[in-house]
Amino acid sequence: MGIIGFIIVGLIAGFVARAVVPGNDSMGILPTIVLGMVGSFVGGLLGSIFADGPMKLGAAGIIGSIIGAIIALIVYNMVTGRKKVA
């Protein structure tokens, strides 16, 4: 995946994660892209763990990126105490 594709997938995954997690996430476009990119790595790591393959840190596809971004956003909100997620 090229860098432009990685950025686009990050934007989509970050946007969907912000829409799915309840509450107000006031972020600009750049933090949304970073959220999606972090989510892609989290999703890739989880995918390699559950696929019984070697554990590696790599980018995931769009579904893995969305799942990883949701997890990353929930963890971020819990660590910073910005809002409570039910």
Protein backbone atom coordinates (compact mmCIF):
# COMPACT_ATOMS: atom_id res chain seq x y z
CA MET A 1 0.00 0.00 0.00
CA GLY A 2 1.41 3.35 -0.95
CA ILE A 3 1.58 6.32 1.38
CA ILE A 4 -1.40 8.03 -0.30
CA GLY A 5 -3.50 4.87 0.06
CA PHE A 6 -2.40 4.54 3.68
CA ILE A 7 -3.48 8.13 4.37
CA ILE A 8 -6.85 7.61 2.66
CA VAL A 9 -7.52 4.38 4.55
CA GLY A 10 -6.47 6.18 7.77
CA LEU A 11 -8.91 9.00 7.08
CA ILE A 12 -11.79 6.60 6.39
CA ALA A 13 -11.03 4.40 9.41
CA GLY A 14 -10.61 7.40 11.73
CA PHE A 15 -13.85 8.96 10.52
CA VAL A 16 -15.82 5.73 10.99
CA ALA A 17 -14.28 5.17 14.45
CA ARG A 18 -15.25 8.68 15.53
CA ALA A 19 -18.79 8.08 14.24
CA VAL A 20 -19.15 4.71 16.03
CA VAL A 21 -17.71 5.62 19.44
CA PRO A 22 -20.34 7.58 21.37
CA GLY A 23 -19.71 11.14 22.44
CA ASN A 24 -18.19 14.24 20.93
CA ASP A 25 -14.69 13.83 19.50
CA SER A 26 -13.63 17.28 18.42
CA MET A 27 -10.68 16.47 16.17
CA GLY A 28 -9.47 18.00 12.98
CA ILE A 29 -8.66 16.11 9.81
CA LEU A 30 -5.01 15.45 10.70
CA PRO A 31 -5.73 13.82 14.10
CA THR A 32 -8.47 11.77 12.40
CA ILE A 33 -5.94 10.50 9.84
CA VAL A 34 -3.43 9.70 12.59
CA LEU A 35 -6.15 7.85 14.54
CA GLY A 36 -6.91 5.75 11.47
CA MET A 37 -3.22 5.05 10.83
CA VAL A 38 -2.70 3.93 14.45
CA GLY A 39 -5.85 1.85 14.10
CA SER A 40 -4.40 0.19 11.02
CA PHE A 41 -1.35 -0.94 12.96
CA VAL A 42 -3.49 -2.09 15.91
CA GLY A 43 -5.76 -3.99 13.53
CA GLY A 44 -2.77 -5.56 11.79
CA LEU A 45 -1.31 -6.67 15.11
CA LEU A 46 -4.63 -8.14 16.26
CA GLY A 47 -5.06 -9.85 12.92
CA SER A 48 -1.67 -11.51 13.16
CA ILE A 49 -2.41 -12.64 16.73
CA PHE A 50 -5.78 -14.19 15.88
CA ALA A 51 -4.65 -15.68 12.56
CA ASP A 52 -2.06 -17.87 14.33
CA GLY A 53 0.67 -16.32 12.27
CA PRO A 54 3.87 -14.72 13.40
CA MET A 55 3.21 -11.63 15.50
CA LYS A 56 4.18 -8.60 13.45
CA LEU A 57 3.40 -4.92 13.33
CA GLY A 58 2.00 -4.09 9.93
CA ALA A 59 -0.83 -2.23 8.30
CA ALA A 60 -4.24 -3.88 8.07
CA GLY A 61 -6.98 -3.60 5.49
CA ILE A 62 -9.93 -1.26 5.82
CA ILE A 63 -11.98 -3.49 8.15
CA GLY A 64 -9.00 -4.19 10.42
CA SER A 65 -8.15 -0.49 10.39
CA ILE A 66 -11.65 0.49 11.48
CA ILE A 67 -11.68 -2.07 14.29
CA GLY A 68 -8.21 -1.00 15.39
CA ALA A 69 -9.16 2.70 15.27
CA ILE A 70 -12.23 2.06 17.43
CA ILE A 71 -10.06 0.23 19.97
CA ALA A 72 -7.41 2.98 19.85
CA LEU A 73 -10.02 5.72 20.35
CA ILE A 74 -11.64 3.93 23.29
CA VAL A 75 -8.24 3.36 24.93
CA TYR A 76 -7.25 6.99 24.29
CA ASN A 77 -10.47 8.24 25.90
CA MET A 78 -9.96 5.96 28.91
CA VAL A 79 -6.33 7.00 29.41
CA THR A 80 -6.93 10.74 29.07
CA GLY A 81 -10.24 10.66 30.94
CA ARG A 82 -11.80 12.94 28.33
CA LYS A 83 -15.12 11.16 28.36
CA LYS A 84 -16.69 7.99 29.65
CA VAL A 85 -17.49 5.30 27.10
CA ALA A 86 -20.42 3.15 28.20
